[in-house]
């Protein structure tokens, strides 16, 4: 497995490289996000990305946002000394798959990487032969991470797309806000945030503009994606 490590702290990067290589990972190190693009590292077969938030130039949040905007969905573990709930939410909202605060035990980092790999392998195995799903004028291409209405591309952020795919995967089934937080943002506790409702509103504005309704509110529980026509 090939890990791209983006970390400017020599002490931490040396520690991580030593541990990862002992665990049979191949590691490529970049000291900045800019170096990733300058060295064309994303053209390599990268299985996992570990990125620090506090980087010189483009920070970790901006890097992940750019990565997802370009359609790259390689699993990302973000490292940070910031441990407030809002810091974690911001990182996960940017498109990161997991968040680990410093200092950390290497065994925990290794365990999180293995979990991300298992999740990705399960997604690949369960991918249907026909990745395109149509609901009236709404077309969702899971392989291309593309959504269109009547042939016109709908611009969705990485989180909006992830939310839509989760709702579609559970179509005709009510999912709670907590289930959505866990599946889309990786949050396993109730942080009293209205982020789910906000993103549902974003989605509705973008995919229900032609008066076709897909996302229904189930009062007191959550939401359901449904198309009966």
Protein backbone atom coordinates (compact mmCIF):
# COMPACT_ATOMS: atom_id res chain seq x y z
CA UNK A 1 0.00 0.00 0.00
CA UNK A 2 1.28 3.44 -1.00
CA UNK A 3 0.82 6.31 1.46
CA UNK A 4 1.34 9.97 0.55
CA UNK A 5 2.47 11.83 3.68
CA UNK A 6 2.23 15.64 3.65
CA UNK A 7 4.02 16.90 6.76
CA UNK A 8 6.57 19.70 7.23
CA UNK A 9 7.69 18.68 10.74
CA UNK A 10 10.81 16.53 10.24
CA UNK A 11 10.50 14.87 13.65
CA UNK A 12 6.93 13.74 13.02
CA UNK A 13 7.50 12.73 9.39
CA UNK A 14 10.56 10.64 10.33
CA UNK A 15 8.59 8.91 13.08
CA UNK A 16 5.69 8.17 10.73
CA UNK A 17 7.83 6.97 7.83
CA UNK A 18 9.75 4.58 10.09
CA UNK A 19 6.56 3.11 11.56
CA UNK A 20 4.70 2.88 8.25
CA UNK A 21 7.59 1.23 6.45
CA UNK A 22 7.92 -1.30 9.28
CA UNK A 23 4.21 -2.02 8.72
CA UNK A 24 4.99 -2.70 5.02
CA UNK A 25 3.64 0.58 3.61
CA UNK A 26 5.44 2.46 0.86
CA UNK A 27 5.67 6.14 1.83
CA UNK A 28 6.15 9.26 -0.29
CA UNK A 29 6.86 12.43 1.69
CA UNK A 30 5.97 15.99 0.67
CA UNK A 31 6.73 18.93 2.97
CA UNK A 32 3.97 21.10 1.52
CA UNK A 33 0.74 20.78 -0.46
CA UNK A 34 2.35 22.70 -3.31
CA UNK A 35 5.09 20.06 -3.52
CA UNK A 36 2.41 17.42 -4.14
CA UNK A 37 1.32 19.17 -7.32
CA UNK A 38 4.81 20.24 -8.38
CA UNK A 39 6.00 16.63 -8.13
CA UNK A 40 2.83 15.19 -9.75
CA UNK A 41 2.45 12.83 -6.80
CA UNK A 42 -1.29 12.50 -7.43
CA UNK A 43 -0.50 10.80 -10.73
CA UNK A 44 0.99 7.91 -8.73
CA UNK A 45 -1.16 4.99 -7.50
CA UNK A 46 -1.75 6.44 -4.01
CA UNK A 47 -3.92 4.36 -1.65
CA UNK A 48 -4.02 6.72 1.35
CA UNK A 49 -3.13 10.31 2.14
CA UNK A 50 -2.01 11.61 5.54
CA UNK A 51 -1.95 15.40 5.71
CA UNK A 52 -1.21 17.84 8.51
CA UNK A 53 -3.53 20.83 8.83
CA UNK A 54 -0.81 23.37 9.65
CA UNK A 55 1.30 23.47 6.50
CA UNK A 56 3.30 26.30 4.94
CA UNK A 57 1.43 27.92 2.05
CA UNK A 58 -1.72 25.92 1.26
CA UNK A 59 -2.92 24.38 4.52
CA UNK A 60 -4.37 20.89 4.95
CA UNK A 61 -7.98 22.06 4.77
CA UNK A 62 -7.40 23.88 1.48
CA UNK A 63 -5.47 20.91 0.10
CA UNK A 64 -8.32 18.45 0.78
CA UNK A 65 -10.94 20.85 -0.58
CA UNK A 66 -8.92 21.19 -3.79
CA UNK A 67 -8.36 17.43 -3.96
CA UNK A 68 -12.09 16.71 -3.74
CA UNK A 69 -13.00 19.53 -6.12
CA UNK A 70 -10.73 17.90 -8.71
CA UNK A 71 -12.61 14.63 -8.26
CA UNK A 72 -9.92 12.77 -6.31
CA UNK A 73 -11.52 10.66 -3.57
CA UNK A 74 -8.44 8.94 -2.17
CA UNK A 75 -9.01 8.34 1.58
CA UNK A 76 -7.52 11.16 3.67
CA UNK A 77 -6.50 11.07 7.33
CA UNK A 78 -5.92 14.58 8.68
CA UNK A 79 -3.50 15.27 11.54
CA UNK A 80 -3.73 18.30 13.80
CA UNK A 81 -2.82 19.63 17.22
CA UNK A 82 -6.27 21.28 17.27
CA UNK A 83 -8.73 19.16 19.23
CA UNK A 84 -11.88 21.30 19.54
CA UNK A 85 -15.07 19.77 18.12
CA UNK A 86 -15.44 22.62 15.61
CA UNK A 87 -11.91 22.01 14.30
CA UNK A 88 -12.80 18.37 13.64
CA UNK A 89 -16.09 19.31 12.00
CA UNK A 90 -14.32 21.81 9.74
CA UNK A 91 -11.76 19.20 8.69
CA UNK A 92 -14.39 16.55 7.97
CA UNK A 93 -16.55 19.06 6.10
CA UNK A 94 -13.58 19.87 3.87
CA UNK A 95 -13.62 16.29 2.61
CA UNK A 96 -11.28 14.47 5.01
CA UNK A 97 -12.30 10.90 5.90
CA UNK A 98 -10.82 10.84 9.40
CA UNK A 99 -9.15 13.18 11.89
CA UNK A 100 -6.47 12.39 14.45
CA UNK A 101 -5.19 14.85 17.05
CA UNK A 102 -1.55 15.18 18.10
CA UNK A 103 0.03 13.68 20.09
CA UNK A 104 -1.19 10.23 19.11
CA UNK A 105 -0.13 6.60 19.50
CA UNK A 106 1.18 5.13 16.26
CA UNK A 107 -0.93 1.99 16.76
CA UNK A 108 -4.07 4.13 16.67
CA UNK A 109 -2.97 5.83 13.46
CA UNK A 110 -2.23 2.45 11.90
CA UNK A 111 -5.63 1.15 12.98
CA UNK A 112 -7.38 4.15 11.43
CA UNK A 113 -5.51 3.70 8.15
CA UNK A 114 -6.50 0.04 8.03
CA UNK A 115 -10.13 0.99 8.66
CA UNK A 116 -10.04 3.50 5.78
CA UNK A 117 -8.58 0.84 3.48
CA UNK A 118 -11.23 -1.71 4.46
CA UNK A 119 -13.97 0.84 3.86
CA UNK A 120 -12.61 1.63 0.41
CA UNK A 121 -12.20 -2.04 -0.53
CA UNK A 122 -15.80 -2.76 0.52
CA UNK A 123 -17.01 0.15 -1.61
CA UNK A 124 -15.15 -1.21 -4.63
CA UNK A 125 -16.47 -4.75 -4.14
CA UNK A 126 -20.06 -3.56 -3.73
CA UNK A 127 -19.97 -1.25 -6.77
CA UNK A 128 -22.77 -2.22 -9.19
CA UNK A 129 -21.97 -3.00 -12.82
CA UNK A 130 -24.15 -0.10 -13.93
CA UNK A 131 -23.05 2.88 -11.90
CA UNK A 132 -25.67 5.22 -13.39
CA UNK A 133 -28.95 5.72 -11.54
CA UNK A 134 -31.81 7.74 -12.98
CA UNK A 135 -34.77 9.32 -11.21
CA UNK A 136 -36.77 11.18 -13.86
CA UNK A 137 -34.51 13.97 -15.17
CA UNK A 138 -32.01 13.40 -12.35
CA UNK A 139 -29.03 11.24 -13.36
CA UNK A 140 -26.37 10.16 -10.86
CA UNK A 141 -23.15 8.54 -12.07
CA UNK A 142 -21.43 6.96 -9.08
CA UNK A 143 -18.24 6.09 -10.95
CA UNK A 144 -17.75 9.56 -12.40
CA UNK A 145 -19.01 11.35 -9.26
CA UNK A 146 -21.26 13.37 -11.52
CA UNK A 147 -24.87 14.55 -11.20
CA UNK A 148 -26.98 16.06 -13.97
CA UNK A 149 -30.56 17.21 -14.48
CA UNK A 150 -31.99 16.93 -17.99
CA UNK A 151 -28.44 16.66 -19.31
CA UNK A 152 -27.13 19.72 -17.47
CA UNK A 153 -24.33 19.14 -14.94
CA UNK A 154 -25.21 20.04 -11.34
CA UNK A 155 -22.23 21.40 -9.40
CA UNK A 156 -22.14 19.69 -6.00
CA UNK A 157 -19.51 20.05 -3.31
CA UNK A 158 -17.83 16.81 -2.12
CA UNK A 159 -20.01 16.74 1.01
CA UNK A 160 -23.20 17.45 -0.95
CA UNK A 161 -22.38 14.59 -3.31
CA UNK A 162 -21.54 12.23 -0.44
CA UNK A 163 -24.82 13.14 1.26
CA UNK A 164 -26.81 12.59 -1.93
CA UNK A 165 -25.18 9.20 -2.56
CA UNK A 166 -25.90 8.12 1.02
CA UNK A 167 -29.56 9.11 0.70
CA UNK A 168 -29.85 7.34 -2.66
CA UNK A 169 -28.19 4.19 -1.28
CA UNK A 170 -30.93 4.21 1.38
CA UNK A 171 -33.80 5.26 -0.91
CA UNK A 172 -37.33 4.66 0.41
CA UNK A 173 -35.84 4.29 3.88
CA UNK A 174 -35.81 6.91 6.62
CA UNK A 175 -32.34 7.75 7.90
CA UNK A 176 -31.84 9.77 11.06
CA UNK A 177 -29.70 12.87 11.35
CA UNK A 178 -27.30 10.88 13.54
CA UNK A 179 -26.94 8.18 10.87
CA UNK A 180 -26.23 10.86 8.27
CA UNK A 181 -23.67 12.58 10.51
CA UNK A 182 -21.90 9.27 10.99
CA UNK A 183 -21.94 8.22 7.32
CA UNK A 184 -21.15 11.57 5.71
CA UNK A 185 -19.11 13.46 8.32
CA UNK A 186 -17.74 10.58 10.39
CA UNK A 187 -19.26 12.06 13.55
CA UNK A 188 -20.38 9.40 16.01
CA UNK A 189 -21.83 11.65 18.68
CA UNK A 190 -24.58 14.24 18.82
CA UNK A 191 -22.80 17.60 18.57
CA UNK A 192 -26.08 19.55 18.35
CA UNK A 193 -25.03 20.88 14.95
CA UNK A 194 -27.55 21.74 12.24
CA UNK A 195 -25.06 20.84 9.50
CA UNK A 196 -27.28 18.01 8.19
CA UNK A 197 -30.30 20.29 7.79
CA UNK A 198 -28.15 22.95 6.13
CA UNK A 199 -26.73 20.51 3.59
CA UNK A 200 -30.15 18.97 2.92
CA UNK A 201 -31.32 22.49 2.08
CA UNK A 202 -28.33 22.95 -0.26
CA UNK A 203 -29.17 19.69 -2.04
CA UNK A 204 -32.85 20.50 -2.39
CA UNK A 205 -32.05 23.87 -3.94
CA UNK A 206 -29.79 22.20 -6.49
CA UNK A 207 -31.64 19.01 -7.50
CA UNK A 208 -35.29 19.91 -6.94
CA UNK A 209 -35.31 23.10 -8.98
CA UNK A 210 -37.58 21.55 -11.66
CA UNK A 211 -40.36 20.88 -9.13
CA UNK A 212 -39.46 17.19 -8.86
CA UNK A 213 -39.24 16.36 -5.17
CA UNK A 214 -36.78 13.70 -4.05
CA UNK A 215 -35.83 14.43 -0.43
CA UNK A 216 -38.61 14.21 2.14
CA UNK A 217 -38.50 15.26 5.77
CA UNK A 218 -39.67 12.64 8.26
CA UNK A 219 -40.66 14.80 11.20
CA UNK A 220 -38.77 14.09 14.39
CA UNK A 221 -36.60 11.42 12.76
CA UNK A 222 -34.65 12.49 9.68
CA UNK A 223 -34.93 12.30 5.91
CA UNK A 224 -35.91 9.94 3.10
CA UNK A 225 -34.95 9.90 -0.59
CA UNK A 226 -37.98 8.79 -2.58
CA UNK A 227 -39.07 8.86 -6.23
CA UNK A 228 -42.43 7.30 -7.11
CA UNK A 229 -42.96 8.31 -10.76
